[in-house]
N, C-alpha and C. Protein backbone atom coordinates (compact mmCIF):
# COMPACT_ATOMS: atom_id res chain seq x y z
N UNK A 1 -13.45 -5.77 2.81
CA UNK A 1 -13.57 -6.55 3.66
C UNK A 1 -12.02 -6.51 3.92
N UNK A 2 -11.20 -6.73 2.85
CA UNK A 2 -9.58 -6.59 3.27
C UNK A 2 -9.15 -5.29 4.14
N UNK A 3 -9.42 -3.82 3.78
CA UNK A 3 -8.92 -2.97 4.65
C UNK A 3 -9.64 -2.71 6.07
N UNK A 4 -10.54 -3.55 6.48
CA UNK A 4 -10.65 -3.94 8.06
C UNK A 4 -10.35 -5.09 8.61
N UNK A 5 -9.87 -5.84 7.84
CA UNK A 5 -9.27 -6.81 8.43
C UNK A 5 -7.53 -6.72 8.46
N UNK A 6 -6.64 -6.65 9.62
CA UNK A 6 -5.24 -6.54 9.35
C UNK A 6 -4.74 -7.86 8.78
N UNK A 7 -5.34 -9.00 8.96
CA UNK A 7 -4.73 -10.31 8.56
C UNK A 7 -4.77 -10.02 7.46
N UNK A 8 -5.19 -9.24 6.44
CA UNK A 8 -5.65 -9.70 5.06
C UNK A 8 -5.17 -8.86 4.16
N UNK A 9 -4.30 -9.38 3.45
CA UNK A 9 -3.52 -8.15 2.54
C UNK A 9 -3.37 -8.30 0.78
N UNK A 10 -3.61 -7.37 0.04
CA UNK A 10 -3.33 -8.07 -1.47
C UNK A 10 -2.04 -8.16 -1.61
N UNK A 11 -1.56 -8.87 -2.87
CA UNK A 11 -0.29 -8.71 -3.17
C UNK A 11 -0.25 -8.00 -3.88
N UNK A 12 0.92 -7.14 -4.04
CA UNK A 12 1.18 -5.69 -4.45
C UNK A 12 1.57 -6.02 -6.05
N UNK A 13 1.80 -7.25 -6.74
CA UNK A 13 2.34 -7.60 -7.86
C UNK A 13 1.35 -7.64 -8.98
N UNK A 14 1.05 -6.75 -9.86
CA UNK A 14 0.34 -6.61 -10.81
C UNK A 14 0.83 -7.85 -11.58
N UNK A 15 -0.11 -8.77 -12.21
CA UNK A 15 -1.96 -8.59 -12.06
C UNK A 15 -2.43 -9.33 -11.11
N UNK A 16 -1.27 -9.78 -10.29
CA UNK A 16 -1.91 -10.98 -9.00
C UNK A 16 -2.92 -10.63 -8.33
N UNK A 17 -2.56 -9.48 -7.34
CA UNK A 17 -3.67 -9.01 -6.47
C UNK A 17 -4.24 -9.78 -5.58
N UNK A 18 -3.68 -11.47 -5.32
CA UNK A 18 -4.44 -12.43 -4.40
C UNK A 18 -4.44 -11.27 -3.33
N UNK A 19 -5.85 -12.16 -2.57
CA UNK A 19 -5.56 -12.16 -1.24
C UNK A 19 -4.93 -12.96 -0.18
N UNK A 20 -4.03 -12.14 0.86
CA UNK A 20 -3.15 -13.19 1.51
C UNK A 20 -3.80 -12.83 3.02
N UNK A 21 -3.48 -13.95 4.00
CA UNK A 21 -3.91 -13.97 4.95
C UNK A 21 -2.78 -14.34 5.85
N UNK A 22 -2.04 -13.12 6.76
CA UNK A 22 -0.80 -13.13 7.30
C UNK A 22 -0.48 -12.54 8.57
N UNK A 23 -0.05 -12.43 9.34
CA UNK A 23 0.50 -11.60 10.45
C UNK A 23 2.05 -11.25 10.25
N UNK A 24 2.46 -12.02 9.38
CA UNK A 24 3.87 -11.50 9.14
C UNK A 24 4.51 -10.49 8.54
N UNK A 25 5.57 -10.37 8.70
CA UNK A 25 6.58 -8.91 8.06
C UNK A 25 6.72 -9.22 6.67
N UNK A 26 7.47 -10.77 6.28
CA UNK A 26 7.59 -10.95 4.94
C UNK A 26 6.31 -11.90 4.63
N UNK A 27 6.14 -11.70 3.89
CA UNK A 27 4.58 -12.44 3.39
C UNK A 27 4.97 -13.43 1.85
N UNK A 28 4.60 -14.34 1.33
CA UNK A 28 4.66 -15.04 0.41
C UNK A 28 3.42 -15.03 -0.27
N UNK A 29 3.13 -14.58 -1.47
CA UNK A 29 1.85 -14.49 -1.85
C UNK A 29 1.27 -16.07 -2.22
N UNK A 30 0.16 -16.89 -1.71
CA UNK A 30 0.04 -17.68 -2.22
C UNK A 30 -0.06 -18.30 -3.60
N UNK A 31 -0.14 -17.40 -4.48
CA UNK A 31 -0.68 -17.01 -5.73
C UNK A 31 0.04 -17.21 -6.89
N UNK A 32 1.36 -16.05 -6.27
CA UNK A 32 2.17 -16.03 -7.62
C UNK A 32 3.34 -16.03 -7.08
N UNK A 33 3.76 -16.52 -5.52
CA UNK A 33 4.80 -16.82 -5.27
C UNK A 33 6.30 -15.88 -4.91
N UNK A 34 5.30 -14.82 -5.13
CA UNK A 34 6.35 -13.43 -4.93
C UNK A 34 6.43 -12.91 -3.10
N UNK A 35 7.54 -12.11 -2.78
CA UNK A 35 7.28 -11.82 -1.37
C UNK A 35 7.22 -10.33 -1.67
N UNK A 36 6.02 -9.90 -0.42
CA UNK A 36 6.14 -8.82 0.00
C UNK A 36 5.91 -8.44 1.29
N UNK A 37 5.79 -7.14 1.83
CA UNK A 37 5.92 -6.67 3.34
C UNK A 37 4.48 -6.42 3.77
N UNK A 38 4.32 -7.21 4.82
CA UNK A 38 3.16 -7.31 5.33
C UNK A 38 2.78 -5.86 5.74
N UNK A 39 4.02 -5.09 6.19
CA UNK A 39 3.60 -3.84 6.95
C UNK A 39 3.04 -2.55 6.09
N UNK A 40 4.01 -2.46 4.81
CA UNK A 40 3.59 -1.13 4.17
C UNK A 40 3.24 -1.87 2.65
N UNK A 41 2.81 -3.08 2.53
CA UNK A 41 2.20 -3.64 1.63
C UNK A 41 2.71 -3.49 0.56
N UNK A 42 4.08 -3.57 0.13
CA UNK A 42 4.88 -3.29 -1.31
C UNK A 42 5.72 -4.34 -1.42
N UNK A 43 6.47 -4.16 -2.46
CA UNK A 43 7.17 -5.72 -2.91
C UNK A 43 8.20 -5.45 -1.74
N UNK A 44 8.86 -7.26 -1.60
CA UNK A 44 9.54 -6.97 -0.31
C UNK A 44 10.96 -6.38 -0.50
N UNK A 45 11.45 -5.50 0.85
CA UNK A 45 12.49 -4.58 0.48
C UNK A 45 13.48 -4.87 1.78
N UNK A 46 14.25 -6.41 1.70
CA UNK A 46 15.04 -6.76 2.32
C UNK A 46 15.50 -6.20 3.50
N UNK A 47 16.39 -5.67 3.39
CA UNK A 47 17.13 -4.68 4.88
C UNK A 47 16.69 -3.39 4.75
N UNK A 48 16.17 -2.70 3.98
CA UNK A 48 15.59 -1.49 3.94
C UNK A 48 14.28 -1.31 4.92
N UNK A 49 14.56 0.19 5.77
CA UNK A 49 13.07 0.05 6.44
C UNK A 49 11.79 0.50 6.00
N UNK A 50 10.51 0.25 6.08
CA UNK A 50 9.29 0.42 5.31
C UNK A 50 9.33 2.16 5.10
N UNK A 51 9.89 2.56 6.25
CA UNK A 51 9.71 4.58 5.82
C UNK A 51 11.03 4.84 4.48
N UNK A 52 11.94 4.05 4.59
CA UNK A 52 12.84 4.38 3.29
C UNK A 52 12.47 3.52 2.43
N UNK A 53 11.90 2.93 2.09
CA UNK A 53 11.38 1.75 0.83
C UNK A 53 10.37 2.77 0.43
N UNK A 54 9.16 3.48 1.49
CA UNK A 54 8.34 4.23 0.62
C UNK A 54 9.07 5.52 0.03
N UNK A 55 9.78 5.70 0.82
CA UNK A 55 10.86 7.15 0.25
C UNK A 55 11.04 7.00 -1.28
N UNK A 56 11.89 5.57 -1.43
CA UNK A 56 12.46 5.39 -2.37
C UNK A 56 11.48 5.31 -3.50
N UNK A 57 9.84 4.71 -3.30
CA UNK A 57 9.20 4.02 -4.13
C UNK A 57 8.41 5.33 -4.38
N UNK A 58 8.47 6.25 -3.82
CA UNK A 58 7.34 7.57 -4.39
C UNK A 58 8.46 8.87 -4.49
N UNK A 59 9.46 8.85 -4.54
CA UNK A 59 10.49 9.78 -4.61
C UNK A 59 10.44 9.92 -6.27
N UNK A 60 10.05 9.39 -6.62
CA UNK A 60 10.16 9.13 -8.71
C UNK A 60 8.39 10.01 -8.93
N UNK A 61 7.79 8.93 -9.70
CA UNK A 61 6.70 9.46 -10.08
C UNK A 61 5.54 10.28 -9.15
N UNK A 62 5.44 9.25 -8.10
CA UNK A 62 4.70 9.83 -7.00
C UNK A 62 4.96 11.12 -6.25
N UNK A 63 6.04 11.09 -6.15
CA UNK A 63 6.58 12.82 -5.59
C UNK A 63 5.97 13.84 -6.41
N UNK A 64 6.67 13.21 -7.71
CA UNK A 64 6.60 14.63 -8.91
C UNK A 64 4.78 14.92 -8.57
N UNK A 65 3.94 14.06 -8.66
CA UNK A 65 2.61 14.27 -8.65
C UNK A 65 1.90 14.80 -7.51
N UNK A 66 2.65 14.28 -6.55
CA UNK A 66 1.91 14.85 -4.92
C UNK A 66 1.15 13.81 -4.31
N UNK A 67 1.36 12.60 -4.99
CA UNK A 67 0.85 11.50 -4.36
C UNK A 67 1.17 11.21 -2.81
N UNK A 68 0.27 10.53 -2.55
CA UNK A 68 0.58 10.15 -0.79
C UNK A 68 -0.19 9.06 -0.66
N UNK A 69 -0.03 8.58 1.21
CA UNK A 69 -0.70 7.11 1.23
C UNK A 69 -2.01 7.30 2.13
N UNK A 70 -3.09 6.44 1.91
CA UNK A 70 -4.15 6.40 2.79
C UNK A 70 -3.67 6.40 4.34
N UNK A 71 -3.89 7.35 4.98
CA UNK A 71 -3.60 6.62 6.54
C UNK A 71 -4.03 5.55 6.93
N UNK A 72 -5.05 4.84 6.36
CA UNK A 72 -5.72 3.70 6.94
C UNK A 72 -5.10 2.62 6.33
N UNK A 73 -5.13 2.04 4.96
CA UNK A 73 -4.71 1.01 4.53
C UNK A 73 -3.41 1.11 3.75
N UNK A 74 -2.99 2.25 3.45
CA UNK A 74 -1.63 2.68 2.73
C UNK A 74 -1.29 2.58 1.55
N UNK A 75 -2.72 2.66 0.55
CA UNK A 75 -2.75 2.41 -0.40
C UNK A 75 -2.45 4.25 -0.92
N UNK A 76 -1.77 4.20 -2.37
CA UNK A 76 -1.01 5.41 -3.10
C UNK A 76 -2.45 6.11 -3.26
N UNK A 77 -2.42 7.29 -2.90
CA UNK A 77 -3.62 8.20 -3.33
C UNK A 77 -3.16 9.73 -4.13
N UNK A 78 -3.65 9.93 -5.04
CA UNK A 78 -3.14 11.39 -5.96
C UNK A 78 -4.30 12.36 -5.55
N UNK A 79 -4.11 13.66 -5.06
CA UNK A 79 -4.99 14.63 -5.32
C UNK A 79 -4.95 15.11 -6.60
N UNK A 80 -5.94 15.47 -7.09
CA UNK A 80 -5.51 15.99 -8.52
C UNK A 80 -6.61 17.32 -8.66
N UNK A 81 -6.93 17.66 -7.45
CA UNK A 81 -7.95 18.87 -7.47
C UNK A 81 -8.87 18.82 -6.66
N UNK A 82 -10.08 19.94 -6.48
CA UNK A 82 -11.15 20.33 -5.75
C UNK A 82 -10.40 20.05 -4.03
N UNK A 83 -11.82 19.85 -3.09
CA UNK A 83 -10.91 20.52 -1.65
C UNK A 83 -10.21 19.32 -0.95
N UNK A 84 -9.73 19.80 0.13
CA UNK A 84 -8.90 18.90 0.70
C UNK A 84 -9.90 17.28 1.55
N UNK A 85 -10.63 17.32 1.34
CA UNK A 85 -11.30 16.09 1.84
C UNK A 85 -11.38 14.81 1.28
N UNK A 86 -10.86 13.66 1.27
CA UNK A 86 -10.25 12.56 0.76
C UNK A 86 -11.09 11.67 1.09
N UNK A 87 -11.28 10.72 -0.01
CA UNK A 87 -11.87 9.00 0.55
C UNK A 87 -11.15 8.41 0.15
N UNK A 88 -10.73 7.25 0.23
CA UNK A 88 -10.12 6.28 -0.25
C UNK A 88 -10.54 5.10 -1.11
N UNK A 89 -10.34 4.86 -2.28
CA UNK A 89 -10.79 4.25 -3.11
C UNK A 89 -11.32 2.70 -3.09
N UNK A 90 -9.82 2.33 -1.70
CA UNK A 90 -9.84 1.35 -1.62
C UNK A 90 -10.85 0.71 -0.55
N UNK A 91 -10.43 1.47 0.66
CA UNK A 91 -10.83 0.94 2.15
C UNK A 91 -11.98 2.28 2.60
N UNK A 92 -12.65 3.21 1.66
CA UNK A 92 -13.50 4.23 1.75
C UNK A 92 -12.97 5.01 3.23
N UNK A 93 -11.75 5.19 3.78
CA UNK A 93 -11.45 6.03 5.00
C UNK A 93 -11.51 7.68 4.09
N UNK A 94 -12.27 8.41 5.12
CA UNK A 94 -12.26 9.51 4.95
C UNK A 94 -11.23 10.30 5.85
N UNK A 95 -10.58 11.30 5.18
CA UNK A 95 -9.14 12.18 5.75
C UNK A 95 -8.90 13.96 5.21
N UNK A 96 -8.76 14.59 5.74
CA UNK A 96 -8.14 15.86 5.11
C UNK A 96 -6.99 15.78 4.43
N UNK A 97 -6.49 15.91 3.77
CA UNK A 97 -5.47 15.95 2.76
C UNK A 97 -4.34 17.10 3.66
């Protein structure tokens, strides 16, 4: 449901995970009151662009293990073997790695 509705976004702060409805770029979670980005669905990154924020986030562990993002819902995905056909565990989108 969340992956198919552009207005619905999961709060990225564990263990919250609240579903928030908004079209704004800066969203305040209605449950935990933390701010996050409605575009890249990560903790709020102030004046950084989403691209720079994602680069910073993935430059550590995710980059080292070859993690990427689902092209549809932007959830982090790790490929750890097998064929290049991927299915996102969050939105069930299928793509070729």
